[in-house]
Amino acid sequence: QVQLVESGGGLVQPGGSLRLSCAASGTFTSIDAMGWYRQAPGKDRELVASISSGGSTNYADSAKGRFAISRDKAKNTVYLQMNVLKPEDTAVYYCTTNYNWAGFYSTWGQGIQVTVSS
């Protein structure tokens, strides 16, 4: 079983930057894709960015050019560098991963608040 712990959220002014981190721990054979989703009040959870075990990345249109996802496979950690933040980026951000442990599973972190406001 894998646990995900997110960190790095908080309050930032429009145009500012934040870096989210998500560390995976527990029992697993391998970590596959990792990613970030977000959910704003009254809205559905949506994909922000994902990264495969091979390093291929995928971004939502709203994140392209402003956000960058990366991972440290040795630390089983995924990062989301968010630049030029806008008020519409305000949401709870969730980390997710697929992993292998006698089968393939997915799990989610508890979520971390990002608020962009002046």
Protein backbone atom coordinates (compact mmCIF):
# COMPACT_ATOMS: atom_id res chain seq x y z
CA GLN A 1 0.00 0.00 0.00
CA VAL A 2 1.23 3.48 -0.90
CA GLN A 3 0.72 6.70 1.01
CA LEU A 4 1.14 10.12 -0.61
CA VAL A 5 1.99 13.23 1.36
CA GLU A 6 1.72 16.63 -0.32
CA SER A 7 3.47 19.80 0.79
CA GLY A 8 4.22 23.30 -0.45
CA GLY A 9 0.77 24.84 -0.75
CA GLY A 10 -0.37 28.11 0.71
CA LEU A 11 -1.36 31.68 -0.08
CA VAL A 12 0.37 33.55 -2.89
CA GLN A 13 -0.29 36.78 -4.74
CA PRO A 14 -1.27 36.78 -8.41
CA GLY A 15 1.82 36.42 -10.56
CA GLY A 16 3.67 34.57 -7.84
CA SER A 17 5.04 31.04 -7.73
CA LEU A 18 4.66 27.93 -5.62
CA ARG A 19 6.27 24.51 -5.74
CA LEU A 20 4.22 21.53 -4.65
CA SER A 21 5.85 18.27 -3.60
CA CYS A 22 4.35 14.83 -3.17
CA ALA A 23 6.29 11.96 -1.63
CA ALA A 24 5.21 8.35 -1.94
CA SER A 25 5.97 5.85 0.79
CA GLY A 26 4.87 2.38 1.76
CA THR A 27 5.07 -1.03 0.14
CA PHE A 28 5.29 -1.33 -3.61
CA THR A 29 7.28 -2.95 -6.37
CA SER A 30 7.31 0.11 -8.58
CA ILE A 31 5.79 3.54 -8.97
CA ASP A 32 4.36 4.17 -12.41
CA ALA A 33 2.79 7.45 -13.51
CA MET A 34 2.39 10.31 -11.07
CA GLY A 35 0.26 13.39 -11.42
CA TRP A 36 -1.53 16.38 -10.01
CA TYR A 37 -5.23 17.16 -10.10
CA ARG A 38 -7.09 20.08 -8.62
CA GLN A 39 -10.59 20.81 -7.47
CA ALA A 40 -11.98 24.31 -7.06
CA PRO A 41 -15.13 24.96 -5.00
CA GLY A 42 -18.21 23.88 -6.92
CA LYS A 43 -16.20 22.33 -9.73
CA ASP A 44 -15.15 18.83 -10.72
CA ARG A 45 -11.68 17.54 -10.06
CA GLU A 46 -9.51 18.12 -13.12
CA LEU A 47 -6.11 17.00 -14.33
CA VAL A 48 -3.36 19.60 -14.04
CA ALA A 49 -0.32 17.61 -15.14
CA SER A 50 1.04 14.08 -15.20
CA ILE A 51 4.38 12.40 -15.74
CA SER A 52 5.06 8.81 -16.75
CA SER A 53 7.73 6.55 -15.32
CA GLY A 54 9.76 7.33 -18.42
CA GLY A 55 9.44 11.08 -17.95
CA SER A 56 6.81 11.89 -20.56
CA THR A 57 4.62 14.77 -19.44
CA ASN A 58 1.07 15.85 -20.11
CA TYR A 59 -0.51 19.19 -19.16
CA ALA A 60 -3.95 20.70 -19.07
CA ASP A 61 -4.27 23.64 -21.43
CA SER A 62 -4.59 25.94 -18.41
CA ALA A 63 -1.20 24.77 -17.12
CA LYS A 64 0.82 24.82 -20.32
CA GLY A 65 3.59 27.40 -20.29
CA ARG A 66 3.16 28.19 -16.59
CA PHE A 67 3.45 24.89 -14.72
CA ALA A 68 6.15 22.24 -14.85
CA ILE A 69 5.90 18.72 -13.48
CA SER A 70 8.97 16.70 -12.62
CA ARG A 71 9.89 13.69 -10.55
CA ASP A 72 12.77 12.27 -8.56
CA LYS A 73 12.48 8.52 -9.00
CA ALA A 74 15.08 7.81 -6.32
CA LYS A 75 12.94 9.70 -3.79
CA ASN A 76 9.58 8.56 -5.21
CA THR A 77 8.61 12.21 -5.27
CA VAL A 78 6.77 14.32 -7.83
CA TYR A 79 6.91 18.10 -8.02
CA LEU A 80 4.71 20.76 -9.56
CA GLN A 81 6.36 24.11 -10.15
CA MET A 82 3.64 26.69 -10.62
CA ASN A 83 4.55 30.11 -12.01
CA VAL A 84 2.53 33.20 -12.96
CA LEU A 85 -0.26 32.03 -10.71
CA LYS A 86 -3.74 33.39 -11.29
CA PRO A 87 -6.75 33.61 -8.97
CA GLU A 88 -8.42 30.90 -11.06
CA ASP A 89 -5.63 28.52 -9.99
CA THR A 90 -7.09 28.58 -6.49
CA ALA A 91 -8.07 25.03 -5.59
CA VAL A 92 -7.23 22.00 -3.53
CA TYR A 93 -4.44 20.18 -5.34
CA TYR A 94 -4.27 16.40 -5.15
CA CYS A 95 -1.36 14.14 -5.93
CA THR A 96 -2.03 10.73 -7.44
CA THR A 97 0.04 7.79 -8.51
CA ASN A 98 -0.27 4.33 -10.04
CA TYR A 99 1.84 1.64 -8.46
CA ASN A 100 2.52 -2.07 -8.66
CA TRP A 101 2.30 -4.41 -5.68
CA ALA A 102 1.08 -7.84 -6.69
CA GLY A 103 -1.24 -5.99 -9.02
CA PHE A 104 -1.78 -2.45 -10.27
CA TYR A 105 -3.38 0.15 -8.05
CA SER A 106 -3.84 3.88 -7.79
CA THR A 107 -4.01 6.12 -4.77
CA TRP A 108 -4.53 9.77 -3.86
CA GLY A 109 -3.02 12.19 -1.41
CA GLN A 110 -5.12 14.09 1.10
CA GLY A 111 -4.98 17.31 -0.90
CA ILE A 112 -3.33 20.65 -0.26
CA GLN A 113 -4.82 24.12 -0.54
CA VAL A 114 -3.43 26.66 -3.00
CA THR A 115 -4.93 30.14 -2.78
CA VAL A 116 -4.01 32.89 -5.22
CA SER A 117 -5.22 36.23 -3.96
CA SER A 118 -4.04 39.76 -3.36
